[in-house]
Protein backbone atom coordinates (compact mmCIF):
# COMPACT_ATOMS: atom_id res chain seq x y z
CA MET A 1 3.57 87.78 -2.91
CA SER A 2 3.62 86.92 0.26
CA VAL A 3 6.85 86.25 1.86
CA LYS A 4 7.35 83.44 3.89
CA TYR A 5 9.30 83.51 7.86
CA GLY A 6 10.98 81.06 9.57
CA HIS A 7 8.43 80.64 12.49
CA GLU A 8 5.76 80.11 9.50
CA MET A 9 8.06 76.67 8.18
CA LYS A 10 7.23 73.02 9.58
CA LEU A 11 9.04 70.21 9.96
CA TYR A 12 7.51 66.94 10.73
CA TRP A 13 9.08 63.37 10.52
CA CYS A 14 7.21 59.54 10.87
CA ALA A 15 8.81 56.84 12.57
CA ALA A 16 8.14 54.34 9.71
CA GLY A 17 10.27 56.53 6.82
CA ILE A 18 8.17 58.42 3.79
CA GLY A 19 6.19 55.04 2.14
CA GLY A 20 3.20 54.54 2.08
CA THR A 21 1.24 57.12 4.04
CA PRO A 22 2.84 58.66 6.55
CA THR A 23 1.53 58.80 10.14
CA TRP A 24 3.63 62.46 10.51
CA SER A 25 4.41 64.13 13.84
CA LEU A 26 4.81 68.06 13.82
CA SER A 27 7.79 69.11 15.84
CA ASN A 28 7.59 72.57 17.30
CA ARG A 29 10.93 72.67 18.94
CA VAL A 30 12.84 73.12 16.00
CA ARG A 31 15.30 76.03 15.84
CA ASN A 32 16.99 77.65 13.02
CA LEU A 33 16.62 75.01 10.05
CA LYS A 34 18.63 74.95 7.52
CA LEU A 35 18.02 72.95 4.15
CA THR A 36 20.70 72.50 1.62
CA PRO A 37 20.10 70.75 -1.45
CA ASP A 38 23.38 70.48 -3.26
CA PRO A 39 23.19 68.55 -6.60
CA VAL A 40 26.54 66.31 -7.77
CA THR A 41 28.05 67.57 -10.24
CA VAL A 42 30.47 65.88 -13.21
CA ASP A 43 32.82 67.18 -15.80
CA ALA A 44 30.64 66.87 -18.88
CA SER A 45 32.98 68.68 -21.37
CA THR A 46 33.10 68.20 -24.60
CA ARG A 47 35.08 69.19 -27.82
CA GLY A 48 31.94 70.97 -29.18
CA GLY A 49 32.33 73.53 -26.11
CA GLY A 50 33.45 75.90 -27.35
CA ALA A 51 36.70 75.13 -25.29
CA TRP A 52 33.89 76.08 -22.33
CA LYS A 53 33.98 73.72 -19.34
CA GLN A 54 30.50 72.03 -19.01
CA THR A 55 28.83 70.54 -16.27
CA ALA A 56 25.73 68.47 -16.12
CA VAL A 57 24.26 67.19 -12.87
CA ALA A 58 24.61 63.26 -12.15
CA MET A 59 22.57 62.75 -9.03
CA HIS A 60 21.00 65.45 -6.17
CA ASP A 61 21.91 65.49 -2.51
CA ALA A 62 20.55 67.45 0.16
CA THR A 63 20.83 68.70 4.11
CA VAL A 64 18.79 69.17 6.40
CA ASP A 65 20.93 70.82 9.56
CA PHE A 66 18.77 71.76 12.92
CA ASP A 67 19.16 72.17 16.84
CA LEU A 68 17.15 71.79 18.96
CA PRO A 69 16.34 71.55 22.62
CA TRP A 70 16.94 69.20 24.90
CA ASP A 71 14.53 67.33 26.54
CA ALA A 72 14.92 64.61 27.20
CA GLU A 73 10.53 63.69 27.58
CA ASP A 74 10.44 64.95 24.10
CA GLU A 75 9.16 62.81 21.01
CA THR A 76 11.18 64.03 18.20
CA LEU A 77 13.76 64.06 20.26
CA GLN A 78 13.82 60.38 21.28
CA ALA A 79 12.97 59.67 17.63
CA LEU A 80 16.14 60.90 16.14
CA LYS A 81 18.12 59.94 19.84
CA ALA A 82 16.77 56.51 18.46
CA ALA A 83 17.99 55.94 14.19
CA TYR A 84 20.60 58.12 14.99
CA PHE A 85 22.47 55.49 17.85
CA GLY A 86 20.22 52.78 15.74
CA ARG A 87 22.09 53.53 12.76
CA THR A 88 18.34 53.93 11.07
CA THR A 89 16.53 56.15 8.96
CA ILE A 90 13.22 58.33 9.83
CA GLY A 91 11.04 60.56 7.60
CA VAL A 92 10.65 63.57 7.54
CA ALA A 93 9.58 66.23 5.62
CA VAL A 94 10.79 69.98 5.74
CA MET A 95 7.87 72.06 4.43
CA ASP A 96 6.83 75.90 4.29
CA GLY A 97 3.99 75.01 5.73
CA ALA A 98 0.47 72.71 7.34
CA ILE A 99 1.58 69.02 5.42
CA ASP A 100 -1.86 69.45 4.38
CA GLU A 101 -2.32 72.10 3.66
CA GLU A 102 -2.81 72.73 -0.86
CA GLY A 103 0.14 74.58 -2.15
CA SER A 104 2.43 73.53 1.05
CA GLU A 105 5.43 71.82 -0.56
CA GLY A 106 9.26 70.19 0.27
CA LEU A 107 11.50 67.96 0.92
CA TRP A 108 10.45 64.60 1.96
CA MET A 109 13.24 61.98 3.11
CA ASP A 110 13.98 59.14 4.29
CA ALA A 111 16.53 60.41 6.12
CA ALA A 112 19.77 58.98 8.10
CA VAL A 113 20.76 61.06 11.49
CA VAL A 114 24.20 62.31 10.55
CA LYS A 115 25.16 64.33 13.99
CA PHE A 116 23.91 64.29 16.66
CA GLU A 117 26.15 66.75 18.99
CA ARG A 118 24.62 68.22 22.16
CA ASP A 119 26.36 71.26 23.09
CA GLU A 120 26.20 72.35 27.39
CA PRO A 121 27.15 75.17 27.74
CA LEU A 122 28.00 76.38 31.25
CA GLU A 123 25.77 79.33 31.09
CA GLY A 124 22.76 78.06 28.50
CA GLU A 125 19.92 76.10 27.59
CA VAL A 126 21.26 72.68 26.60
CA THR A 127 20.36 71.64 22.87
CA VAL A 128 21.26 69.46 19.70
CA ALA A 129 22.86 69.91 16.59
CA VAL A 130 21.29 67.70 14.78
CA SER A 131 22.11 66.68 10.92
CA LEU A 132 20.16 64.99 8.45
CA LYS A 133 20.74 63.59 4.82
CA PRO A 134 19.32 61.21 2.46
CA GLY A 135 19.41 57.41 3.98
CA VAL A 136 19.57 53.89 1.97
CA SER A 137 15.81 53.12 1.44
CA GLU A 138 13.35 51.75 -1.38
CA ASN A 139 11.36 55.37 -1.13
CA ALA A 140 13.53 58.14 -2.71
CA PRO A 141 13.77 61.92 -1.58
CA GLU A 142 10.88 63.76 -3.48
CA TRP A 143 9.91 67.34 -3.87
CA LYS A 144 6.39 67.62 -2.54
CA VAL A 145 3.61 69.78 -3.55
CA ILE A 146 0.19 69.06 -1.28
CA ALA A 147 -2.08 68.90 -4.29
CA GLY A 148 -6.38 69.86 -3.18
CA SER A 149 -8.49 67.48 -2.47
């Protein structure tokens, strides 16, 4: 069994989205990424539940949060900024390895940039905190495992 470390993980983006055959760009400048799958639950209690409240997962949700150093020439920053201010989606793949490596897996989605918060500390590096959530798209988010060729 092998343990993965944060620096081995990959964040890819594609301005055109995840439909068709995406042309992925790797973002090497991302820091402290957190992928949070979050089920949307509903009360599914019945009289046959033995007096226990029952829950069903109705839908899935996810949030991807990360920090990025502010660099006006960084293509990832520019693509995220364009999606945020343009209120459009951006294709992302949050992977545990290279996107073309057999067995790598992660969440693919056309994402809405729901937070683009610039932090300007007096004695530190300027960064932007980004949050992504599934956006309106003809392509549903999916957990993808890269198959062998």
